[in-house]
Amino acid sequence: MAQKTIKKKCLYCKKQITVNLSEHNRGLGKFCSKKCSAVHNNENRVKTTLSCIVCGCEFKSKSNHAKYCSNECRRNVSRKRLKDRRRKGKDRYHRAEKVRRRFGELACFVCGWEESSCDVHHVIPKRDGGSDDLSNLTILCPNHHRLADRGDLRTTKTLADI
């Protein structure tokens, strides 16, 4: 049995569309595509007044779950999270930068390689209870670092010895 259809215009783009009568009776079949529906609904959204979680100023948004009044406030939160992660020791790349600032560019403690920057290596890995103390850090070239990580190389010289 063929369904009854009617012709009507899309509410957004005004194209002629064919809609099942049952959909029309339920209040559906107003748009020719999901895109037209989304654009129409977003244009007709009411702006609500919200408060920024960073600076506390009020701002208007069509999204009722917006948290920030500007990209600057969003970036400030990202920077704060990154600093907190570093303070807790969860971000590992800043350690090498601190060592470079304090000691300068150091050569590999095993072979003396200094073609490029060497890696800071934990003698006792942090996952095994090692710390970021100078007595637990050594400087290795990429090749010796790989060997040390596999357990094929034991190092005795640390940054505390400098």
N, C-alpha and C. Protein backbone atom coordinates (compact mmCIF):
# COMPACT_ATOMS: atom_id res chain seq x y z
N MET A 1 0.84 -1.18 0.00
CA MET A 1 0.00 0.00 0.00
C MET A 1 0.89 1.25 0.00
N ALA A 2 0.68 2.11 -0.92
CA ALA A 2 1.48 3.34 -1.05
C ALA A 2 1.04 4.35 0.00
N GLN A 3 2.06 5.03 0.56
CA GLN A 3 1.76 6.04 1.56
C GLN A 3 1.37 7.34 0.88
N LYS A 4 0.47 8.04 1.54
CA LYS A 4 0.05 9.32 0.98
C LYS A 4 1.12 10.36 1.27
N THR A 5 1.39 11.21 0.31
CA THR A 5 2.40 12.25 0.46
C THR A 5 1.81 13.60 0.09
N ILE A 6 2.48 14.61 0.62
CA ILE A 6 2.10 15.98 0.23
C ILE A 6 3.37 16.74 -0.13
N LYS A 7 3.21 17.80 -0.87
CA LYS A 7 4.33 18.65 -1.24
C LYS A 7 4.27 19.91 -0.39
N LYS A 8 5.45 20.30 0.13
CA LYS A 8 5.54 21.53 0.90
C LYS A 8 6.93 22.10 0.76
N LYS A 9 7.19 23.28 1.33
CA LYS A 9 8.49 23.93 1.22
C LYS A 9 9.29 23.73 2.50
N CYS A 10 10.59 23.56 2.31
CA CYS A 10 11.53 23.49 3.44
C CYS A 10 11.48 24.82 4.17
N LEU A 11 11.42 24.78 5.51
CA LEU A 11 11.33 26.02 6.28
C LEU A 11 12.57 26.89 6.14
N TYR A 12 13.73 26.29 5.87
CA TYR A 12 14.96 27.08 5.80
C TYR A 12 15.29 27.53 4.38
N CYS A 13 15.44 26.57 3.46
CA CYS A 13 15.92 26.93 2.12
C CYS A 13 14.79 27.11 1.10
N LYS A 14 13.56 26.83 1.50
CA LYS A 14 12.37 27.03 0.66
C LYS A 14 12.30 26.11 -0.55
N LYS A 15 13.08 25.00 -0.56
CA LYS A 15 12.99 24.02 -1.65
C LYS A 15 11.67 23.26 -1.52
N GLN A 16 11.18 22.81 -2.64
CA GLN A 16 9.98 21.99 -2.65
C GLN A 16 10.36 20.58 -2.21
N ILE A 17 9.68 20.03 -1.19
CA ILE A 17 9.97 18.67 -0.72
C ILE A 17 8.69 17.85 -0.67
N THR A 18 8.87 16.54 -0.75
CA THR A 18 7.74 15.62 -0.64
C THR A 18 7.81 14.95 0.72
N VAL A 19 6.72 15.03 1.49
CA VAL A 19 6.70 14.53 2.86
C VAL A 19 5.55 13.54 3.01
N ASN A 20 5.80 12.45 3.75
CA ASN A 20 4.72 11.51 4.06
C ASN A 20 3.66 12.24 4.88
N LEU A 21 2.42 11.98 4.62
CA LEU A 21 1.32 12.64 5.32
C LEU A 21 1.36 12.35 6.81
N SER A 22 1.76 11.13 7.16
CA SER A 22 1.82 10.77 8.59
C SER A 22 2.88 11.62 9.31
N GLU A 23 4.03 11.89 8.64
CA GLU A 23 5.05 12.74 9.25
C GLU A 23 4.54 14.17 9.39
N HIS A 24 3.86 14.65 8.37
CA HIS A 24 3.30 16.01 8.41
C HIS A 24 2.30 16.15 9.56
N ASN A 25 1.46 15.15 9.75
CA ASN A 25 0.45 15.19 10.82
C ASN A 25 1.09 15.17 12.21
N ARG A 26 2.27 14.56 12.35
CA ARG A 26 2.96 14.53 13.65
C ARG A 26 3.82 15.76 13.87
N GLY A 27 3.85 16.68 12.92
CA GLY A 27 4.65 17.90 13.06
C GLY A 27 6.06 17.74 12.55
N LEU A 28 6.34 16.67 11.84
CA LEU A 28 7.66 16.44 11.28
C LEU A 28 7.66 16.81 9.80
N GLY A 29 8.77 16.56 9.11
CA GLY A 29 8.83 16.82 7.68
C GLY A 29 8.86 18.29 7.33
N LYS A 30 9.56 19.09 8.13
CA LYS A 30 9.61 20.52 7.89
C LYS A 30 10.83 20.95 7.06
N PHE A 31 11.85 20.09 7.01
CA PHE A 31 13.11 20.45 6.36
C PHE A 31 13.49 19.42 5.32
N CYS A 32 14.28 19.86 4.32
CA CYS A 32 14.71 18.94 3.26
C CYS A 32 15.93 18.13 3.68
N SER A 33 16.67 18.58 4.70
CA SER A 33 17.86 17.86 5.15
C SER A 33 18.13 18.17 6.62
N LYS A 34 19.03 17.38 7.22
CA LYS A 34 19.42 17.64 8.60
C LYS A 34 20.17 18.96 8.71
N LYS A 35 20.93 19.30 7.66
CA LYS A 35 21.68 20.55 7.67
C LYS A 35 20.72 21.73 7.76
N CYS A 36 19.68 21.73 6.94
CA CYS A 36 18.70 22.83 6.98
C CYS A 36 18.04 22.91 8.35
N SER A 37 17.74 21.77 8.93
CA SER A 37 17.13 21.73 10.25
C SER A 37 18.06 22.32 11.30
N ALA A 38 19.34 21.93 11.28
CA ALA A 38 20.30 22.41 12.27
C ALA A 38 20.53 23.91 12.14
N VAL A 39 20.72 24.39 10.91
CA VAL A 39 20.96 25.82 10.70
C VAL A 39 19.75 26.63 11.16
N HIS A 40 18.56 26.19 10.80
CA HIS A 40 17.34 26.89 11.19
C HIS A 40 17.20 26.93 12.72
N ASN A 41 17.42 25.81 13.37
CA ASN A 41 17.28 25.75 14.82
C ASN A 41 18.34 26.58 15.53
N ASN A 42 19.58 26.60 15.02
CA ASN A 42 20.63 27.39 15.64
C ASN A 42 20.40 28.89 15.47
N GLU A 43 19.87 29.27 14.31
CA GLU A 43 19.59 30.70 14.09
C GLU A 43 18.51 31.20 15.03
N ASN A 44 17.59 30.34 15.37
CA ASN A 44 16.46 30.75 16.20
C ASN A 44 16.68 30.51 17.69
N ARG A 45 17.88 30.09 18.06
CA ARG A 45 18.17 29.91 19.48
C ARG A 45 18.26 31.25 20.18
N VAL A 46 17.85 31.27 21.42
CA VAL A 46 17.89 32.49 22.22
C VAL A 46 19.22 32.52 22.98
N LYS A 47 19.86 33.67 23.00
CA LYS A 47 21.10 33.80 23.76
C LYS A 47 20.77 33.90 25.25
N THR A 48 21.54 33.15 26.05
CA THR A 48 21.35 33.21 27.50
C THR A 48 22.56 33.88 28.13
N THR A 49 22.37 34.45 29.29
CA THR A 49 23.46 35.11 30.01
C THR A 49 24.10 34.09 30.93
N LEU A 50 25.43 33.93 30.79
CA LEU A 50 26.19 32.96 31.60
C LEU A 50 27.34 33.68 32.30
N SER A 51 27.96 33.01 33.24
CA SER A 51 29.09 33.58 33.97
C SER A 51 30.35 32.77 33.66
N CYS A 52 31.45 33.46 33.33
CA CYS A 52 32.73 32.82 33.01
C CYS A 52 33.31 32.19 34.28
N ILE A 53 33.79 30.94 34.20
CA ILE A 53 34.34 30.26 35.37
C ILE A 53 35.73 30.75 35.73
N VAL A 54 36.38 31.52 34.84
CA VAL A 54 37.73 32.02 35.11
C VAL A 54 37.68 33.40 35.73
N CYS A 55 37.09 34.35 35.02
CA CYS A 55 37.12 35.74 35.48
C CYS A 55 35.82 36.19 36.13
N GLY A 56 34.75 35.39 35.99
CA GLY A 56 33.49 35.72 36.63
C GLY A 56 32.62 36.71 35.88
N CYS A 57 33.09 37.25 34.76
CA CYS A 57 32.28 38.22 34.03
C CYS A 57 31.12 37.51 33.32
N GLU A 58 30.07 38.26 33.09
CA GLU A 58 28.90 37.70 32.42
C GLU A 58 29.05 37.86 30.92
N PHE A 59 28.55 36.86 30.18
CA PHE A 59 28.59 36.90 28.72
C PHE A 59 27.36 36.20 28.18
N LYS A 60 27.04 36.49 26.93
CA LYS A 60 25.87 35.88 26.29
C LYS A 60 26.33 34.81 25.32
N SER A 61 25.58 33.69 25.29
CA SER A 61 25.90 32.60 24.38
C SER A 61 24.64 31.86 24.00
N LYS A 62 24.63 31.33 22.77
CA LYS A 62 23.51 30.49 22.35
C LYS A 62 23.62 29.09 22.95
N SER A 63 24.81 28.73 23.42
CA SER A 63 25.03 27.43 24.03
C SER A 63 24.87 27.58 25.55
N ASN A 64 23.98 26.81 26.14
CA ASN A 64 23.73 26.98 27.57
C ASN A 64 24.78 26.29 28.44
N HIS A 65 25.75 25.59 27.85
CA HIS A 65 26.80 24.94 28.64
C HIS A 65 28.18 25.57 28.39
N ALA A 66 28.23 26.77 27.80
CA ALA A 66 29.50 27.47 27.60
C ALA A 66 30.08 27.85 28.96
N LYS A 67 31.43 27.79 29.09
CA LYS A 67 32.08 28.06 30.37
C LYS A 67 32.94 29.32 30.36
N TYR A 68 33.43 29.72 29.18
CA TYR A 68 34.40 30.79 29.10
C TYR A 68 33.86 31.96 28.29
N CYS A 69 34.22 33.16 28.71
CA CYS A 69 33.76 34.36 28.01
C CYS A 69 34.62 34.66 26.78
N SER A 70 35.86 34.13 26.74
CA SER A 70 36.75 34.42 25.62
C SER A 70 37.78 33.30 25.47
N ASN A 71 38.48 33.33 24.34
CA ASN A 71 39.55 32.36 24.12
C ASN A 71 40.69 32.57 25.11
N GLU A 72 40.90 33.81 25.54
CA GLU A 72 41.96 34.10 26.53
C GLU A 72 41.69 33.37 27.84
N CYS A 73 40.44 33.38 28.31
CA CYS A 73 40.10 32.67 29.54
C CYS A 73 40.26 31.16 29.36
N ARG A 74 39.90 30.64 28.19
CA ARG A 74 40.06 29.22 27.91
C ARG A 74 41.54 28.84 27.94
N ARG A 75 42.40 29.67 27.33
CA ARG A 75 43.84 29.41 27.33
C ARG A 75 44.42 29.47 28.75
N ASN A 76 43.93 30.41 29.58
CA ASN A 76 44.42 30.51 30.95
C ASN A 76 44.15 29.23 31.73
N VAL A 77 43.00 28.63 31.51
CA VAL A 77 42.67 27.37 32.19
C VAL A 77 43.59 26.26 31.70
N SER A 78 43.86 26.23 30.38
CA SER A 78 44.75 25.21 29.83
C SER A 78 46.15 25.35 30.39
N ARG A 79 46.64 26.59 30.50
CA ARG A 79 47.98 26.83 31.07
C ARG A 79 48.04 26.39 32.52
N LYS A 80 46.99 26.70 33.27
CA LYS A 80 46.96 26.34 34.69
C LYS A 80 46.97 24.82 34.85
N ARG A 81 46.20 24.11 34.03
CA ARG A 81 46.19 22.64 34.09
C ARG A 81 47.57 22.08 33.77
N LEU A 82 48.25 22.64 32.77
CA LEU A 82 49.57 22.18 32.39
C LEU A 82 50.57 22.41 33.53
N LYS A 83 50.51 23.58 34.16
CA LYS A 83 51.40 23.85 35.29
C LYS A 83 51.13 22.89 36.45
N ASP A 84 49.87 22.60 36.71
CA ASP A 84 49.53 21.65 37.78
C ASP A 84 50.08 20.27 37.47
N ARG A 85 49.95 19.84 36.20
CA ARG A 85 50.48 18.53 35.81
C ARG A 85 51.99 18.49 35.98
N ARG A 86 52.67 19.56 35.60
CA ARG A 86 54.13 19.59 35.75
C ARG A 86 54.53 19.58 37.22
N ARG A 87 53.80 20.32 38.04
CA ARG A 87 54.11 20.35 39.48
C ARG A 87 53.95 18.97 40.10
N LYS A 88 52.97 18.22 39.63
CA LYS A 88 52.74 16.87 40.16
C LYS A 88 53.65 15.83 39.51
N GLY A 89 54.46 16.25 38.54
CA GLY A 89 55.40 15.33 37.89
C GLY A 89 54.80 14.49 36.80
N LYS A 90 53.64 14.90 36.27
CA LYS A 90 52.99 14.09 35.25
C LYS A 90 53.41 14.46 33.84
N ASP A 91 54.07 15.60 33.68
CA ASP A 91 54.51 16.04 32.36
C ASP A 91 56.02 15.92 32.33
N ARG A 92 56.56 15.01 31.56
CA ARG A 92 57.95 14.64 31.68
C ARG A 92 58.93 15.49 30.88
N TYR A 93 58.46 16.24 29.89
CA TYR A 93 59.38 16.92 29.00
C TYR A 93 60.01 18.18 29.59
N HIS A 94 59.44 18.74 30.63
CA HIS A 94 60.00 19.96 31.18
C HIS A 94 61.26 19.69 32.00
N ARG A 95 61.49 18.47 32.45
CA ARG A 95 62.70 18.13 33.23
C ARG A 95 63.96 18.40 32.42
N ALA A 96 63.99 17.94 31.18
CA ALA A 96 65.17 18.13 30.34
C ALA A 96 65.44 19.61 30.14
N GLU A 97 64.41 20.40 30.02
CA GLU A 97 64.59 21.84 29.83
C GLU A 97 65.19 22.48 31.07
N LYS A 98 64.76 22.05 32.25
CA LYS A 98 65.33 22.59 33.49
C LYS A 98 66.81 22.21 33.60
N VAL A 99 67.15 20.99 33.23
CA VAL A 99 68.54 20.55 33.29
C VAL A 99 69.38 21.37 32.31
N ARG A 100 68.86 21.62 31.10
CA ARG A 100 69.61 22.40 30.11
C ARG A 100 69.83 23.83 30.58
N ARG A 101 68.82 24.42 31.23
CA ARG A 101 68.96 25.78 31.74
C ARG A 101 70.02 25.85 32.83
N ARG A 102 70.07 24.84 33.66
CA ARG A 102 71.00 24.86 34.80
C ARG A 102 72.42 24.49 34.39
N PHE A 103 72.58 23.46 33.55
CA PHE A 103 73.91 22.93 33.22
C PHE A 103 74.37 23.27 31.81
N GLY A 104 73.48 23.76 30.96
CA GLY A 104 73.83 23.99 29.55
C GLY A 104 73.74 22.68 28.78
N GLU A 105 74.23 22.68 27.55
CA GLU A 105 74.22 21.46 26.74
C GLU A 105 75.33 20.54 27.21
N LEU A 106 74.98 19.37 27.67
CA LEU A 106 75.96 18.41 28.17
C LEU A 106 76.13 17.27 27.18
N ALA A 107 77.33 16.71 27.13
CA ALA A 107 77.62 15.56 26.28
C ALA A 107 77.19 14.29 27.00
N CYS A 108 77.03 13.22 26.24
CA CYS A 108 76.67 11.92 26.80
C CYS A 108 77.71 11.51 27.83
N PHE A 109 77.26 11.05 28.99
CA PHE A 109 78.17 10.66 30.07
C PHE A 109 78.90 9.35 29.76
N VAL A 110 78.45 8.61 28.73
CA VAL A 110 79.10 7.34 28.39
C VAL A 110 80.12 7.53 27.28
N CYS A 111 79.69 8.15 26.16
CA CYS A 111 80.57 8.22 24.99
C CYS A 111 81.04 9.63 24.64
N GLY A 112 80.47 10.65 25.27
CA GLY A 112 80.88 12.01 24.97
C GLY A 112 80.23 12.62 23.74
N TRP A 113 79.23 11.97 23.17
CA TRP A 113 78.54 12.44 21.97
C TRP A 113 77.87 13.79 22.25
N GLU A 114 78.08 14.76 21.35
CA GLU A 114 77.44 16.06 21.53
C GLU A 114 77.03 16.68 20.21
N GLU A 115 76.66 15.83 19.25
CA GLU A 115 76.22 16.31 17.94
C GLU A 115 74.91 17.09 18.05
N SER A 116 74.06 16.65 18.92
CA SER A 116 72.76 17.29 19.14
C SER A 116 72.48 17.20 20.63
N SER A 117 71.30 17.62 21.05
CA SER A 117 71.01 17.57 22.49
C SER A 117 70.83 16.13 22.94
N CYS A 118 71.37 15.82 24.10
CA CYS A 118 71.24 14.48 24.67
C CYS A 118 69.99 14.41 25.54
N ASP A 119 69.63 13.19 25.95
CA ASP A 119 68.43 12.95 26.75
C ASP A 119 68.78 12.92 28.23
N VAL A 120 67.82 13.33 29.05
CA VAL A 120 67.94 13.18 30.50
C VAL A 120 67.32 11.83 30.83
N HIS A 121 68.08 10.98 31.50
CA HIS A 121 67.64 9.61 31.79
C HIS A 121 67.57 9.40 33.31
N HIS A 122 66.50 8.78 33.77
CA HIS A 122 66.37 8.41 35.18
C HIS A 122 67.10 7.08 35.40
N VAL A 123 68.08 7.07 36.30
CA VAL A 123 68.81 5.84 36.60
C VAL A 123 67.84 4.81 37.16
N ILE A 124 67.03 5.22 38.14
CA ILE A 124 65.93 4.39 38.64
C ILE A 124 64.66 5.00 38.07
N PRO A 125 63.94 4.28 37.19
CA PRO A 125 62.75 4.86 36.54
C PRO A 125 61.73 5.34 37.56
N LYS A 126 61.00 6.39 37.20
CA LYS A 126 59.98 6.94 38.10
C LYS A 126 58.91 5.91 38.42
N ARG A 127 58.62 5.04 37.47
CA ARG A 127 57.59 4.01 37.71
C ARG A 127 58.05 3.01 38.78
N ASP A 128 59.37 2.92 38.99
CA ASP A 128 59.92 2.02 40.01
C ASP A 128 60.30 2.76 41.28
N GLY A 129 59.80 3.97 41.45
CA GLY A 129 60.06 4.73 42.66
C GLY A 129 61.19 5.72 42.56
N GLY A 130 61.77 5.90 41.37
CA GLY A 130 62.85 6.86 41.18
C GLY A 130 62.34 8.28 41.29
N SER A 131 63.25 9.20 41.58
CA SER A 131 62.86 10.60 41.75
C SER A 131 63.52 11.46 40.68
N ASP A 132 63.25 12.76 40.75
CA ASP A 132 63.86 13.73 39.84
C ASP A 132 65.07 14.40 40.48
N ASP A 133 65.61 13.82 41.52
CA ASP A 133 66.81 14.36 42.15
C ASP A 133 67.99 14.23 41.20
N LEU A 134 68.96 15.13 41.35
CA LEU A 134 70.14 15.09 40.49
C LEU A 134 70.90 13.78 40.62
N SER A 135 70.83 13.14 41.77
CA SER A 135 71.54 11.88 41.98
C SER A 135 70.89 10.72 41.22
N ASN A 136 69.69 10.94 40.68
CA ASN A 136 69.00 9.90 39.92
C ASN A 136 68.94 10.22 38.43
N LEU A 137 69.54 11.33 38.01
CA LEU A 137 69.48 11.75 36.61
C LEU A 137 70.87 11.67 35.97
N THR A 138 70.91 11.22 34.74
CA THR A 138 72.15 11.16 33.98
C THR A 138 71.87 11.64 32.55
N ILE A 139 72.90 12.00 31.83
CA ILE A 139 72.76 12.48 30.46
C ILE A 139 73.27 11.39 29.50
N LEU A 140 72.41 11.00 28.56
CA LEU A 140 72.77 9.95 27.60
C LEU A 140 72.40 10.37 26.18
N CYS A 141 73.20 9.92 25.22
CA CYS A 141 72.85 10.13 23.81
C CYS A 141 71.66 9.19 23.49
N PRO A 142 70.97 9.39 22.38
CA PRO A 142 69.82 8.55 22.06
C PRO A 142 70.15 7.05 22.03
N ASN A 143 71.32 6.68 21.51
CA ASN A 143 71.67 5.26 21.44
C ASN A 143 71.87 4.66 22.83
N HIS A 144 72.65 5.33 23.67
CA HIS A 144 72.86 4.81 25.02
C HIS A 144 71.58 4.89 25.87
N HIS A 145 70.74 5.88 25.59
CA HIS A 145 69.47 5.96 26.31
C HIS A 145 68.61 4.73 26.01
N ARG A 146 68.58 4.35 24.74
CA ARG A 146 67.81 3.15 24.34
C ARG A 146 68.36 1.91 25.04
N LEU A 147 69.70 1.78 25.07
CA LEU A 147 70.32 0.64 25.74
C LEU A 147 70.00 0.63 27.24
N ALA A 148 70.05 1.80 27.86
CA ALA A 148 69.76 1.89 29.30
C ALA A 148 68.30 1.54 29.58
N ASP A 149 67.39 1.97 28.72
CA ASP A 149 65.97 1.66 28.92
C ASP A 149 65.71 0.16 28.79
N ARG A 150 66.47 -0.53 27.93
CA ARG A 150 66.31 -1.98 27.78
C ARG A 150 67.01 -2.75 28.88
N GLY A 151 67.84 -2.08 29.69
CA GLY A 151 68.56 -2.75 30.76
C GLY A 151 69.92 -3.28 30.33
N ASP A 152 70.38 -2.92 29.13
CA ASP A 152 71.66 -3.40 28.62
C ASP A 152 72.83 -2.49 29.01
N LEU A 153 72.55 -1.38 29.71
CA LEU A 153 73.61 -0.44 30.08
C LEU A 153 73.34 0.08 31.49
N ARG A 154 74.32 0.03 32.34
CA ARG A 154 74.24 0.58 33.69
C ARG A 154 75.12 1.81 33.75
N THR A 155 74.59 2.90 34.23
CA THR A 155 75.37 4.13 34.32
C THR A 155 75.67 4.44 35.78
N THR A 156 76.83 5.01 36.02
CA THR A 156 77.23 5.35 37.40
C THR A 156 77.33 6.85 37.59
N LYS A 157 77.67 7.59 36.55
CA LYS A 157 77.83 9.02 36.66
C LYS A 157 76.45 9.69 36.59
N THR A 158 76.18 10.60 37.52
CA THR A 158 74.90 11.31 37.54
C THR A 158 75.15 12.80 37.53
N LEU A 159 74.08 13.57 37.46
CA LEU A 159 74.19 15.03 37.44
C LEU A 159 74.70 15.56 38.79
N ALA A 160 74.52 14.81 39.85
CA ALA A 160 75.02 15.22 41.16
C ALA A 160 76.55 15.20 41.21
N ASP A 161 77.16 14.42 40.30
CA ASP A 161 78.64 14.32 40.28
C ASP A 161 79.29 15.53 39.61
N ILE A 162 78.51 16.36 38.95
CA ILE A 162 79.08 17.51 38.22
C ILE A 162 79.33 18.66 39.17
